[in-house]
Amino acid sequence: ASGEEDPAGGGAGEQGGDAERRAAERFVTDLLARG
């Protein structure tokens, strides 16, 4: 709501939730790895 990026997406159903969580973790990991 504050305009910040939320890599977890929020509100995902059960089936898509796990894939979205993994994608969000990868997004953050990649940002950190690249500095």
PDB file of all heavy atoms in Angstrom:
ATOM      1  N   ALA A   1       0.818  -1.211   0.000  1.00  0.00           N
ATOM      2  CA  ALA A   1       0.000   0.000   0.000  1.00  0.00           C
ATOM      3  C   ALA A   1       0.852   1.260   0.000  1.00  0.00           C
ATOM      4  O   ALA A   1       0.435   2.304  -0.493  1.00  0.00           O
ATOM      5  CB  ALA A   1      -0.931  -0.002   1.204  1.00  0.00           C
ATOM      6  N   SER A   2       2.064   1.173   0.542  1.00  0.00           N
ATOM      7  CA  SER A   2       2.933   2.348   0.597  1.00  0.00           C
ATOM      8  C   SER A   2       3.735   2.531  -0.686  1.00  0.00           C
ATOM      9  O   SER A   2       4.586   3.407  -0.767  1.00  0.00           O
ATOM     10  CB  SER A   2       3.880   2.242   1.793  1.00  0.00           C
ATOM     11  OG  SER A   2       4.714   1.109   1.648  1.00  0.00           O
ATOM     12  N   GLY A   3       3.494   1.679  -1.694  1.00  0.00           N
ATOM     13  CA  GLY A   3       4.191   1.814  -2.966  1.00  0.00           C
ATOM     14  C   GLY A   3       5.488   1.040  -3.033  1.00  0.00           C
ATOM     15  O   GLY A   3       6.197   1.096  -4.021  1.00  0.00           O
ATOM     16  N   GLU A   4       5.814   0.287  -1.976  1.00  0.00           N
ATOM     17  CA  GLU A   4       7.031  -0.514  -1.984  1.00  0.00           C
ATOM     18  C   GLU A   4       6.783  -1.800  -2.753  1.00  0.00           C
ATOM     19  O   GLU A   4       5.672  -2.299  -2.813  1.00  0.00           O
ATOM     20  CB  GLU A   4       7.449  -0.844  -0.553  1.00  0.00           C
ATOM     21  CG  GLU A   4       7.793   0.378   0.263  1.00  0.00           C
ATOM     22  CD  GLU A   4       8.108   0.030   1.701  1.00  0.00           C
ATOM     23  OE1 GLU A   4       7.745  -1.076   2.147  1.00  0.00           O
ATOM     24  OE2 GLU A   4       8.702   0.866   2.367  1.00  0.00           O
ATOM     25  N   GLU A   5       7.836  -2.349  -3.336  1.00  0.00           N
ATOM     26  CA  GLU A   5       7.714  -3.615  -4.039  1.00  0.00           C
ATOM     27  C   GLU A   5       7.533  -4.714  -3.011  1.00  0.00           C
ATOM     28  O   GLU A   5       8.197  -4.741  -1.997  1.00  0.00           O
ATOM     29  CB  GLU A   5       8.976  -3.897  -4.862  1.00  0.00           C
ATOM     30  CG  GLU A   5       9.161  -2.935  -6.010  1.00  0.00           C
ATOM     31  CD  GLU A   5      10.417  -3.221  -6.787  1.00  0.00           C
ATOM     32  OE1 GLU A   5      10.754  -4.392  -6.969  1.00  0.00           O
ATOM     33  OE2 GLU A   5      11.064  -2.264  -7.201  1.00  0.00           O
ATOM     34  N   ASP A   6       6.607  -5.620  -3.250  1.00  0.00           N
ATOM     35  CA  ASP A   6       6.368  -6.765  -2.377  1.00  0.00           C
ATOM     36  C   ASP A   6       6.624  -8.015  -3.195  1.00  0.00           C
ATOM     37  O   ASP A   6       5.761  -8.464  -3.932  1.00  0.00           O
ATOM     38  CB  ASP A   6       4.931  -6.743  -1.854  1.00  0.00           C
ATOM     39  CG  ASP A   6       4.633  -7.904  -0.922  1.00  0.00           C
ATOM     40  OD1 ASP A   6       5.567  -8.672  -0.592  1.00  0.00           O
ATOM     41  OD2 ASP A   6       3.469  -8.036  -0.527  1.00  0.00           O
ATOM     42  N   PRO A   7       7.849  -8.599  -3.092  1.00  0.00           N
ATOM     43  CA  PRO A   7       8.181  -9.729  -3.930  1.00  0.00           C
ATOM     44  C   PRO A   7       7.311 -10.946  -3.676  1.00  0.00           C
ATOM     45  O   PRO A   7       7.222 -11.826  -4.504  1.00  0.00           O
ATOM     46  CB  PRO A   7       9.643 -10.020  -3.613  1.00  0.00           C
ATOM     47  CG  PRO A   7       9.932  -9.326  -2.350  1.00  0.00           C
ATOM     48  CD  PRO A   7       8.934  -8.215  -2.217  1.00  0.00           C
ATOM     49  N   ALA A   8       6.622 -11.030  -2.541  1.00  0.00           N
ATOM     50  CA  ALA A   8       5.758 -12.170  -2.263  1.00  0.00           C
ATOM     51  C   ALA A   8       4.450 -12.071  -3.032  1.00  0.00           C
ATOM     52  O   ALA A   8       3.723 -13.039  -3.139  1.00  0.00           O
ATOM     53  CB  ALA A   8       5.476 -12.259  -0.768  1.00  0.00           C
ATOM     54  N   GLY A   9       4.132 -10.918  -3.564  1.00  0.00           N
ATOM     55  CA  GLY A   9       2.942 -10.757  -4.377  1.00  0.00           C
ATOM     56  C   GLY A   9       1.688 -10.556  -3.565  1.00  0.00           C
ATOM     57  O   GLY A   9       0.930  -9.660  -3.800  1.00  0.00           O
ATOM     58  N   GLY A  10       1.463 -11.364  -2.573  1.00  0.00           N
ATOM     59  CA  GLY A  10       0.298 -11.220  -1.706  1.00  0.00           C
ATOM     60  C   GLY A  10      -0.968 -11.708  -2.364  1.00  0.00           C
ATOM     61  O   GLY A  10      -1.218 -11.482  -3.529  1.00  0.00           O
ATOM     62  N   GLY A  11      -1.797 -12.427  -1.632  1.00  0.00           N
ATOM     63  CA  GLY A  11      -3.099 -12.845  -2.109  1.00  0.00           C
ATOM     64  C   GLY A  11      -3.082 -13.994  -3.100  1.00  0.00           C
ATOM     65  O   GLY A  11      -4.073 -14.271  -3.741  1.00  0.00           O
ATOM     66  N   ALA A  12      -1.988 -14.686  -3.244  1.00  0.00           N
ATOM     67  CA  ALA A  12      -1.912 -15.783  -4.204  1.00  0.00           C
ATOM     68  C   ALA A  12      -2.645 -17.001  -3.661  1.00  0.00           C
ATOM     69  O   ALA A  12      -2.676 -17.239  -2.473  1.00  0.00           O
ATOM     70  CB  ALA A  12      -0.454 -16.136  -4.484  1.00  0.00           C
ATOM     71  N   GLY A  13      -3.221 -17.790  -4.549  1.00  0.00           N
ATOM     72  CA  GLY A  13      -3.886 -19.019  -4.157  1.00  0.00           C
ATOM     73  C   GLY A  13      -2.875 -20.069  -3.746  1.00  0.00           C
ATOM     74  O   GLY A  13      -1.669 -19.902  -3.899  1.00  0.00           O
ATOM     75  N   GLU A  14      -3.365 -21.176  -3.233  1.00  0.00           N
ATOM     76  CA  GLU A  14      -2.493 -22.238  -2.752  1.00  0.00           C
ATOM     77  C   GLU A  14      -1.560 -22.769  -3.834  1.00  0.00           C
ATOM     78  O   GLU A  14      -0.395 -22.982  -3.600  1.00  0.00           O
ATOM     79  CB  GLU A  14      -3.336 -23.385  -2.196  1.00  0.00           C
ATOM     80  CG  GLU A  14      -3.950 -23.088  -0.851  1.00  0.00           C
ATOM     81  CD  GLU A  14      -2.920 -22.974   0.260  1.00  0.00           C
ATOM     82  OE1 GLU A  14      -1.967 -23.772   0.289  1.00  0.00           O
ATOM     83  OE2 GLU A  14      -3.069 -22.076   1.090  1.00  0.00           O
ATOM     84  N   GLN A  15      -2.063 -23.004  -5.045  1.00  0.00           N
ATOM     85  CA  GLN A  15      -1.247 -23.617  -6.086  1.00  0.00           C
ATOM     86  C   GLN A  15      -0.151 -22.700  -6.581  1.00  0.00           C
ATOM     87  O   GLN A  15       0.962 -23.139  -6.807  1.00  0.00           O
ATOM     88  CB  GLN A  15      -2.125 -24.065  -7.250  1.00  0.00           C
ATOM     89  CG  GLN A  15      -3.044 -25.205  -6.873  1.00  0.00           C
ATOM     90  CD  GLN A  15      -3.805 -25.736  -8.061  1.00  0.00           C
ATOM     91  OE1 GLN A  15      -3.684 -25.222  -9.164  1.00  0.00           O
ATOM     92  NE2 GLN A  15      -4.597 -26.764  -7.848  1.00  0.00           N
ATOM     93  N   GLY A  16      -0.444 -21.427  -6.775  1.00  0.00           N
ATOM     94  CA  GLY A  16       0.551 -20.505  -7.281  1.00  0.00           C
ATOM     95  C   GLY A  16       1.433 -19.929  -6.199  1.00  0.00           C
ATOM     96  O   GLY A  16       2.465 -19.350  -6.489  1.00  0.00           O
ATOM     97  N   GLY A  17       1.049 -20.088  -4.942  1.00  0.00           N
ATOM     98  CA  GLY A  17       1.774 -19.486  -3.834  1.00  0.00           C
ATOM     99  C   GLY A  17       3.206 -19.970  -3.705  1.00  0.00           C
ATOM    100  O   GLY A  17       4.121 -19.183  -3.468  1.00  0.00           O
ATOM    101  N   ASP A  18       3.425 -21.268  -3.852  1.00  0.00           N
ATOM    102  CA  ASP A  18       4.765 -21.816  -3.695  1.00  0.00           C
ATOM    103  C   ASP A  18       5.684 -21.343  -4.813  1.00  0.00           C
ATOM    104  O   ASP A  18       6.829 -20.963  -4.571  1.00  0.00           O
ATOM    105  CB  ASP A  18       4.710 -23.339  -3.649  1.00  0.00           C
ATOM    106  CG  ASP A  18       6.028 -23.947  -3.208  1.00  0.00           C
ATOM    107  OD1 ASP A  18       6.595 -23.455  -2.207  1.00  0.00           O
ATOM    108  OD2 ASP A  18       6.487 -24.896  -3.869  1.00  0.00           O
ATOM    109  N   ALA A  19       5.188 -21.334  -6.037  1.00  0.00           N
ATOM    110  CA  ALA A  19       5.991 -20.871  -7.171  1.00  0.00           C
ATOM    111  C   ALA A  19       6.298 -19.386  -7.033  1.00  0.00           C
ATOM    112  O   ALA A  19       7.418 -18.948  -7.313  1.00  0.00           O
ATOM    113  CB  ALA A  19       5.269 -21.144  -8.487  1.00  0.00           C
ATOM    114  N   GLU A  20       5.320 -18.608  -6.579  1.00  0.00           N
ATOM    115  CA  GLU A  20       5.551 -17.173  -6.389  1.00  0.00           C
ATOM    116  C   GLU A  20       6.548 -16.917  -5.266  1.00  0.00           C
ATOM    117  O   GLU A  20       7.374 -16.019  -5.363  1.00  0.00           O
ATOM    118  CB  GLU A  20       4.234 -16.458  -6.109  1.00  0.00           C
ATOM    119  CG  GLU A  20       3.380 -16.344  -7.339  1.00  0.00           C
ATOM    120  CD  GLU A  20       2.147 -15.494  -7.106  1.00  0.00           C
ATOM    121  OE1 GLU A  20       2.169 -14.655  -6.184  1.00  0.00           O
ATOM    122  OE2 GLU A  20       1.180 -15.662  -7.845  1.00  0.00           O
ATOM    123  N   ARG A  21       6.472 -17.718  -4.204  1.00  0.00           N
ATOM    124  CA  ARG A  21       7.410 -17.564  -3.092  1.00  0.00           C
ATOM    125  C   ARG A  21       8.838 -17.851  -3.561  1.00  0.00           C
ATOM    126  O   ARG A  21       9.757 -17.100  -3.256  1.00  0.00           O
ATOM    127  CB  ARG A  21       7.036 -18.500  -1.942  1.00  0.00           C
ATOM    128  CG  ARG A  21       7.960 -18.365  -0.729  1.00  0.00           C
ATOM    129  CD  ARG A  21       7.720 -19.445   0.303  1.00  0.00           C
ATOM    130  NE  ARG A  21       7.748 -20.789  -0.229  1.00  0.00           N
ATOM    131  CZ  ARG A  21       8.865 -21.469  -0.518  1.00  0.00           C
ATOM    132  NH1 ARG A  21      10.040 -20.899  -0.343  1.00  0.00           N
ATOM    133  NH2 ARG A  21       8.812 -22.687  -0.993  1.00  0.00           N
ATOM    134  N   ARG A  22       9.005 -18.923  -4.345  1.00  0.00           N
ATOM    135  CA  ARG A  22      10.341 -19.256  -4.864  1.00  0.00           C
ATOM    136  C   ARG A  22      10.855 -18.157  -5.796  1.00  0.00           C
ATOM    137  O   ARG A  22      12.034 -17.799  -5.756  1.00  0.00           O
ATOM    138  CB  ARG A  22      10.311 -20.599  -5.585  1.00  0.00           C
ATOM    139  CG  ARG A  22      10.225 -21.771  -4.644  1.00  0.00           C
ATOM    140  CD  ARG A  22      10.511 -23.098  -5.336  1.00  0.00           C
ATOM    141  NE  ARG A  22       9.790 -23.286  -6.586  1.00  0.00           N
ATOM    142  CZ  ARG A  22       8.600 -23.852  -6.703  1.00  0.00           C
ATOM    143  NH1 ARG A  22       7.980 -24.296  -5.641  1.00  0.00           N
ATOM    144  NH2 ARG A  22       8.030 -23.978  -7.886  1.00  0.00           N
ATOM    145  N   ALA A  23       9.972 -17.624  -6.640  1.00  0.00           N
ATOM    146  CA  ALA A  23      10.376 -16.549  -7.553  1.00  0.00           C
ATOM    147  C   ALA A  23      10.772 -15.305  -6.769  1.00  0.00           C
ATOM    148  O   ALA A  23      11.746 -14.627  -7.117  1.00  0.00           O
ATOM    149  CB  ALA A  23       9.248 -16.234  -8.528  1.00  0.00           C
ATOM    150  N   ALA A  24      10.042 -15.001  -5.706  1.00  0.00           N
ATOM    151  CA  ALA A  24      10.348 -13.834  -4.881  1.00  0.00           C
ATOM    152  C   ALA A  24      11.686 -14.006  -4.177  1.00  0.00           C
ATOM    153  O   ALA A  24      12.505 -13.079  -4.129  1.00  0.00           O
ATOM    154  CB  ALA A  24       9.240 -13.611  -3.857  1.00  0.00           C
ATOM    155  N   GLU A  25      11.928 -15.207  -3.655  1.00  0.00           N
ATOM    156  CA  GLU A  25      13.209 -15.468  -3.002  1.00  0.00           C
ATOM    157  C   GLU A  25      14.357 -15.338  -3.995  1.00  0.00           C
ATOM    158  O   GLU A  25      15.409 -14.784  -3.667  1.00  0.00           O
ATOM    159  CB  GLU A  25      13.207 -16.862  -2.378  1.00  0.00           C
ATOM    160  CG  GLU A  25      12.309 -16.977  -1.169  1.00  0.00           C
ATOM    161  CD  GLU A  25      12.166 -18.396  -0.666  1.00  0.00           C
ATOM    162  OE1 GLU A  25      12.701 -19.338  -1.313  1.00  0.00           O
ATOM    163  OE2 GLU A  25      11.499 -18.574   0.368  1.00  0.00           O
ATOM    164  N   ARG A  26      14.150 -15.832  -5.198  1.00  0.00           N
ATOM    165  CA  ARG A  26      15.184 -15.746  -6.234  1.00  0.00           C
ATOM    166  C   ARG A  26      15.449 -14.293  -6.627  1.00  0.00           C
ATOM    167  O   ARG A  26      16.596 -13.887  -6.819  1.00  0.00           O
ATOM    168  CB  ARG A  26      14.743 -16.559  -7.461  1.00  0.00           C
ATOM    169  CG  ARG A  26      15.717 -16.558  -8.597  1.00  0.00           C
ATOM    170  CD  ARG A  26      17.005 -17.271  -8.189  1.00  0.00           C
ATOM    171  NE  ARG A  26      18.006 -17.148  -9.207  1.00  0.00           N
ATOM    172  CZ  ARG A  26      18.423 -18.157  -9.940  1.00  0.00           C
ATOM    173  NH1 ARG A  26      17.940 -19.359  -9.758  1.00  0.00           N
ATOM    174  NH2 ARG A  26      19.330 -17.962 -10.854  1.00  0.00           N
ATOM    175  N   PHE A  27      14.387 -13.495  -6.732  1.00  0.00           N
ATOM    176  CA  PHE A  27      14.505 -12.074  -7.057  1.00  0.00           C
ATOM    177  C   PHE A  27      15.386 -11.369  -6.028  1.00  0.00           C
ATOM    178  O   PHE A  27      16.343 -10.667  -6.378  1.00  0.00           O
ATOM    179  CB  PHE A  27      13.104 -11.457  -7.095  1.00  0.00           C
ATOM    180  CG  PHE A  27      13.078  -9.968  -7.280  1.00  0.00           C
ATOM    181  CD1 PHE A  27      13.400  -9.400  -8.501  1.00  0.00           C
ATOM    182  CD2 PHE A  27      12.722  -9.132  -6.238  1.00  0.00           C
ATOM    183  CE1 PHE A  27      13.371  -8.014  -8.676  1.00  0.00           C
ATOM    184  CE2 PHE A  27      12.686  -7.759  -6.400  1.00  0.00           C
ATOM    185  CZ  PHE A  27      13.011  -7.207  -7.624  1.00  0.00           C
ATOM    186  N   VAL A  28      15.109 -11.580  -4.750  1.00  0.00           N
ATOM    187  CA  VAL A  28      15.880 -10.929  -3.687  1.00  0.00           C
ATOM    188  C   VAL A  28      17.310 -11.458  -3.670  1.00  0.00           C
ATOM    189  O   VAL A  28      18.269 -10.682  -3.577  1.00  0.00           O
ATOM    190  CB  VAL A  28      15.194 -11.126  -2.318  1.00  0.00           C
ATOM    191  CG1 VAL A  28      16.077 -10.599  -1.193  1.00  0.00           C
ATOM    192  CG2 VAL A  28      13.848 -10.433  -2.298  1.00  0.00           C
ATOM    193  N   THR A  29      17.478 -12.774  -3.796  1.00  0.00           N
ATOM    194  CA  THR A  29      18.816 -13.373  -3.802  1.00  0.00           C
ATOM    195  C   THR A  29      19.654 -12.815  -4.943  1.00  0.00           C
ATOM    196  O   THR A  29      20.833 -12.489  -4.754  1.00  0.00           O
ATOM    197  CB  THR A  29      18.713 -14.911  -3.925  1.00  0.00           C
ATOM    198  OG1 THR A  29      17.961 -15.404  -2.812  1.00  0.00           O
ATOM    199  CG2 THR A  29      20.079 -15.561  -3.942  1.00  0.00           C
ATOM    200  N   ASP A  30      19.061 -12.693  -6.120  1.00  0.00           N
ATOM    201  CA  ASP A  30      19.789 -12.164  -7.275  1.00  0.00           C
ATOM    202  C   ASP A  30      20.177 -10.701  -7.074  1.00  0.00           C
ATOM    203  O   ASP A  30      21.291 -10.301  -7.425  1.00  0.00           O
ATOM    204  CB  ASP A  30      18.966 -12.312  -8.551  1.00  0.00           C
ATOM    205  CG  ASP A  30      18.866 -13.751  -9.031  1.00  0.00           C
ATOM    206  OD1 ASP A  30      19.587 -14.617  -8.498  1.00  0.00           O
ATOM    207  OD2 ASP A  30      18.049 -14.007  -9.940  1.00  0.00           O
ATOM    208  N   LEU A  31      19.271  -9.892  -6.524  1.00  0.00           N
ATOM    209  CA  LEU A  31      19.602  -8.488  -6.245  1.00  0.00           C
ATOM    210  C   LEU A  31      20.794  -8.397  -5.298  1.00  0.00           C
ATOM    211  O   LEU A  31      21.725  -7.604  -5.512  1.00  0.00           O
ATOM    212  CB  LEU A  31      18.409  -7.754  -5.611  1.00  0.00           C
ATOM    213  CG  LEU A  31      17.268  -7.340  -6.509  1.00  0.00           C
ATOM    214  CD1 LEU A  31      16.126  -6.775  -5.664  1.00  0.00           C
ATOM    215  CD2 LEU A  31      17.715  -6.306  -7.534  1.00  0.00           C
ATOM    216  N   LEU A  32      20.769  -9.207  -4.235  1.00  0.00           N
ATOM    217  CA  LEU A  32      21.857  -9.190  -3.258  1.00  0.00           C
ATOM    218  C   LEU A  32      23.166  -9.682  -3.877  1.00  0.00           C
ATOM    219  O   LEU A  32      24.222  -9.098  -3.652  1.00  0.00           O
ATOM    220  CB  LEU A  32      21.483 -10.044  -2.045  1.00  0.00           C
ATOM    221  CG  LEU A  32      20.355  -9.484  -1.177  1.00  0.00           C
ATOM    222  CD1 LEU A  32      19.832 -10.557  -0.223  1.00  0.00           C
ATOM    223  CD2 LEU A  32      20.815  -8.256  -0.414  1.00  0.00           C
ATOM    224  N   ALA A  33      23.095 -10.739  -4.684  1.00  0.00           N
ATOM    225  CA  ALA A  33      24.293 -11.309  -5.311  1.00  0.00           C
ATOM    226  C   ALA A  33      24.955 -10.319  -6.264  1.00  0.00           C
ATOM    227  O   ALA A  33      26.189 -10.283  -6.373  1.00  0.00           O
ATOM    228  CB  ALA A  33      23.941 -12.591  -6.055  1.00  0.00           C
ATOM    229  N   ARG A  34      24.148  -9.525  -6.956  1.00  0.00           N
ATOM    230  CA  ARG A  34      24.697  -8.540  -7.892  1.00  0.00           C
ATOM    231  C   ARG A  34      25.140  -7.257  -7.198  1.00  0.00           C
ATOM    232  O   ARG A  34      25.658  -6.349  -7.850  1.00  0.00           O
ATOM    233  CB  ARG A  34      23.648  -8.199  -8.954  1.00  0.00           C
ATOM    234  CG  ARG A  34      23.352  -9.311  -9.922  1.00  0.00           C
ATOM    235  CD  ARG A  34      22.513  -8.835 -11.095  1.00  0.00           C
ATOM    236  NE  ARG A  34      21.281  -8.190 -10.697  1.00  0.00           N
ATOM    237  CZ  ARG A  34      20.092  -8.775 -10.586  1.00  0.00           C
ATOM    238  NH1 ARG A  34      19.983 -10.070 -10.848  1.00  0.00           N
ATOM    239  NH2 ARG A  34      19.027  -8.102 -10.239  1.00  0.00           N
ATOM    240  N   GLY A  35      24.917  -7.151  -5.902  1.00  0.00           N
ATOM    241  CA  GLY A  35      25.295  -5.941  -5.178  1.00  0.00           C
ATOM    242  C   GLY A  35      24.332  -4.790  -5.413  1.00  0.00           C
ATOM    243  O   GLY A  35      24.655  -3.641  -5.128  1.00  0.00           O
TER     244      GLY A  35
END
